[in-house]
Amino acid sequence: MTTTAPEGQLKPDIGVIETTESDNILRWDGTNLYVEQDVYHNGQLVHRRYKRRVTKHVAQALALVLAQH
């Protein structure tokens, strides 16, 4: 399932509206837990498969869930 940020986010420092699309699959590269995202500025693709790291709190919550199974 791919999701798109519905409205985007204004980046005033570069004057664009940024939106993202992700398949929301968590990935592990041996060091970091992340999701891949395509990043768009004003509708134009600028980063393909950008790795966005999961926050420490989310990773800790996932670790607790996995430890219970």
N, C-alpha and C. Protein backbone atom coordinates (compact mmCIF):
# COMPACT_ATOMS: atom_id res chain seq x y z
N MET A 1 0.84 -1.17 0.00
CA MET A 1 0.00 0.00 0.00
C MET A 1 0.88 1.24 0.00
N THR A 2 0.72 2.08 -0.96
CA THR A 2 1.47 3.31 -1.05
C THR A 2 0.63 4.45 -0.52
N THR A 3 1.25 5.31 0.29
CA THR A 3 0.52 6.47 0.79
C THR A 3 1.20 7.74 0.32
N THR A 4 0.42 8.76 0.18
CA THR A 4 0.92 10.08 -0.22
C THR A 4 0.50 11.07 0.84
N ALA A 5 1.44 11.95 1.21
CA ALA A 5 1.08 13.03 2.12
C ALA A 5 0.04 13.89 1.40
N PRO A 6 -1.19 14.03 1.94
CA PRO A 6 -2.28 14.65 1.20
C PRO A 6 -2.08 16.11 0.85
N GLU A 7 -1.52 16.90 1.73
CA GLU A 7 -1.43 18.33 1.47
C GLU A 7 -0.01 18.81 1.24
N GLY A 8 0.94 18.09 1.70
CA GLY A 8 2.31 18.56 1.58
C GLY A 8 2.65 19.53 2.69
N GLN A 9 3.88 19.96 2.65
CA GLN A 9 4.40 20.84 3.70
C GLN A 9 5.21 21.94 3.03
N LEU A 10 4.91 23.18 3.36
CA LEU A 10 5.64 24.31 2.81
C LEU A 10 7.05 24.34 3.37
N LYS A 11 8.03 24.43 2.50
CA LYS A 11 9.43 24.60 2.89
C LYS A 11 9.83 26.03 2.52
N PRO A 12 9.62 26.99 3.44
CA PRO A 12 9.83 28.39 3.10
C PRO A 12 11.27 28.73 2.74
N ASP A 13 12.24 28.00 3.30
CA ASP A 13 13.64 28.30 3.01
C ASP A 13 14.00 28.05 1.55
N ILE A 14 13.26 27.16 0.88
CA ILE A 14 13.54 26.90 -0.54
C ILE A 14 12.34 27.21 -1.43
N GLY A 15 11.23 27.66 -0.82
CA GLY A 15 10.07 28.12 -1.57
C GLY A 15 9.32 27.04 -2.32
N VAL A 16 9.18 25.85 -1.74
CA VAL A 16 8.45 24.77 -2.40
C VAL A 16 7.49 24.11 -1.42
N ILE A 17 6.52 23.40 -1.98
CA ILE A 17 5.67 22.54 -1.18
C ILE A 17 6.19 21.12 -1.37
N GLU A 18 6.51 20.48 -0.25
CA GLU A 18 7.07 19.14 -0.29
C GLU A 18 6.00 18.11 0.05
N THR A 19 5.87 17.09 -0.80
CA THR A 19 5.00 15.95 -0.53
C THR A 19 5.84 14.69 -0.63
N THR A 20 5.33 13.62 -0.03
CA THR A 20 6.05 12.35 -0.06
C THR A 20 5.09 11.21 -0.38
N GLU A 21 5.66 10.14 -0.94
CA GLU A 21 4.94 8.89 -1.14
C GLU A 21 5.78 7.79 -0.54
N SER A 22 5.12 6.83 0.12
CA SER A 22 5.84 5.74 0.75
C SER A 22 5.02 4.46 0.65
N ASP A 23 5.71 3.30 0.58
CA ASP A 23 5.00 2.03 0.63
C ASP A 23 4.81 1.59 2.09
N ASN A 24 5.34 2.36 3.03
CA ASN A 24 5.20 2.13 4.47
C ASN A 24 5.75 0.78 4.93
N ILE A 25 6.76 0.29 4.25
CA ILE A 25 7.41 -0.95 4.66
C ILE A 25 8.65 -0.59 5.47
N LEU A 26 8.72 -1.12 6.70
CA LEU A 26 9.91 -0.89 7.53
C LEU A 26 11.05 -1.74 7.00
N ARG A 27 12.22 -1.15 6.91
CA ARG A 27 13.40 -1.85 6.42
C ARG A 27 14.52 -1.69 7.44
N TRP A 28 15.42 -2.66 7.46
CA TRP A 28 16.55 -2.66 8.37
C TRP A 28 17.80 -2.87 7.53
N ASP A 29 18.79 -1.96 7.65
CA ASP A 29 20.02 -2.10 6.88
C ASP A 29 21.19 -2.61 7.72
N GLY A 30 20.89 -3.13 8.91
CA GLY A 30 21.93 -3.60 9.81
C GLY A 30 22.31 -2.56 10.84
N THR A 31 21.96 -1.31 10.57
CA THR A 31 22.25 -0.22 11.49
C THR A 31 21.01 0.61 11.79
N ASN A 32 20.25 0.93 10.76
CA ASN A 32 19.09 1.82 10.89
C ASN A 32 17.80 1.15 10.47
N LEU A 33 16.72 1.51 11.16
CA LEU A 33 15.37 1.12 10.79
C LEU A 33 14.79 2.31 10.03
N TYR A 34 14.24 2.07 8.83
CA TYR A 34 13.79 3.19 8.01
C TYR A 34 12.65 2.78 7.08
N VAL A 35 11.99 3.78 6.50
CA VAL A 35 11.04 3.59 5.41
C VAL A 35 11.59 4.34 4.21
N GLU A 36 11.28 3.85 3.03
CA GLU A 36 11.69 4.54 1.81
C GLU A 36 10.56 5.47 1.37
N GLN A 37 10.95 6.65 0.93
CA GLN A 37 9.98 7.62 0.46
C GLN A 37 10.45 8.24 -0.85
N ASP A 38 9.49 8.57 -1.70
CA ASP A 38 9.77 9.42 -2.84
C ASP A 38 9.38 10.82 -2.40
N VAL A 39 10.26 11.79 -2.61
CA VAL A 39 10.03 13.16 -2.16
C VAL A 39 9.82 14.05 -3.39
N TYR A 40 8.78 14.85 -3.34
CA TYR A 40 8.42 15.75 -4.44
C TYR A 40 8.45 17.20 -3.97
N HIS A 41 8.94 18.08 -4.81
CA HIS A 41 8.88 19.53 -4.58
C HIS A 41 8.00 20.11 -5.67
N ASN A 42 6.88 20.72 -5.27
CA ASN A 42 5.90 21.28 -6.21
C ASN A 42 5.50 20.25 -7.26
N GLY A 43 5.36 18.98 -6.84
CA GLY A 43 4.92 17.93 -7.73
C GLY A 43 6.01 17.26 -8.55
N GLN A 44 7.24 17.75 -8.47
CA GLN A 44 8.35 17.18 -9.25
C GLN A 44 9.21 16.30 -8.35
N LEU A 45 9.47 15.07 -8.79
CA LEU A 45 10.28 14.14 -8.02
C LEU A 45 11.71 14.67 -7.84
N VAL A 46 12.16 14.75 -6.59
CA VAL A 46 13.53 15.21 -6.31
C VAL A 46 14.38 14.17 -5.60
N HIS A 47 13.75 13.21 -4.91
CA HIS A 47 14.49 12.13 -4.24
C HIS A 47 13.71 10.83 -4.43
N ARG A 48 14.33 9.85 -5.03
CA ARG A 48 13.70 8.54 -5.21
C ARG A 48 14.23 7.61 -4.14
N ARG A 49 13.34 6.93 -3.45
CA ARG A 49 13.69 5.96 -2.42
C ARG A 49 14.57 6.57 -1.32
N TYR A 50 14.22 7.78 -0.91
CA TYR A 50 14.89 8.46 0.19
C TYR A 50 14.67 7.65 1.47
N LYS A 51 15.72 7.40 2.20
CA LYS A 51 15.62 6.64 3.44
C LYS A 51 15.34 7.57 4.61
N ARG A 52 14.14 7.45 5.16
CA ARG A 52 13.77 8.26 6.33
C ARG A 52 13.82 7.36 7.56
N ARG A 53 14.72 7.69 8.46
CA ARG A 53 14.89 6.86 9.66
C ARG A 53 13.68 6.95 10.58
N VAL A 54 13.36 5.83 11.19
CA VAL A 54 12.29 5.77 12.18
C VAL A 54 12.84 6.35 13.47
N THR A 55 12.01 7.09 14.19
CA THR A 55 12.48 7.71 15.43
C THR A 55 12.81 6.66 16.48
N LYS A 56 13.60 7.05 17.44
CA LYS A 56 14.02 6.14 18.50
C LYS A 56 12.81 5.60 19.26
N HIS A 57 11.82 6.44 19.53
CA HIS A 57 10.64 6.01 20.29
C HIS A 57 9.83 4.98 19.51
N VAL A 58 9.70 5.17 18.21
CA VAL A 58 8.97 4.20 17.39
C VAL A 58 9.74 2.87 17.35
N ALA A 59 11.04 2.94 17.19
CA ALA A 59 11.85 1.72 17.16
C ALA A 59 11.76 0.97 18.49
N GLN A 60 11.76 1.69 19.60
CA GLN A 60 11.64 1.05 20.91
C GLN A 60 10.26 0.39 21.08
N ALA A 61 9.22 1.04 20.63
CA ALA A 61 7.88 0.46 20.72
C ALA A 61 7.78 -0.80 19.86
N LEU A 62 8.36 -0.77 18.68
CA LEU A 62 8.36 -1.96 17.83
C LEU A 62 9.14 -3.10 18.47
N ALA A 63 10.26 -2.78 19.10
CA ALA A 63 11.06 -3.80 19.76
C ALA A 63 10.27 -4.47 20.88
N LEU A 64 9.49 -3.69 21.62
CA LEU A 64 8.66 -4.26 22.69
C LEU A 64 7.59 -5.19 22.11
N VAL A 65 6.97 -4.79 21.03
CA VAL A 65 5.95 -5.62 20.38
C VAL A 65 6.57 -6.93 19.89
N LEU A 66 7.72 -6.83 19.24
CA LEU A 66 8.37 -8.03 18.71
C LEU A 66 8.84 -8.96 19.83
N ALA A 67 9.24 -8.41 20.95
CA ALA A 67 9.72 -9.22 22.06
C ALA A 67 8.58 -10.04 22.69
N GLN A 68 7.36 -9.58 22.52
CA GLN A 68 6.22 -10.27 23.11
C GLN A 68 5.76 -11.45 22.25
N HIS A 69 6.28 -11.58 21.04
CA HIS A 69 5.83 -12.67 20.16
C HIS A 69 6.87 -13.70 19.97
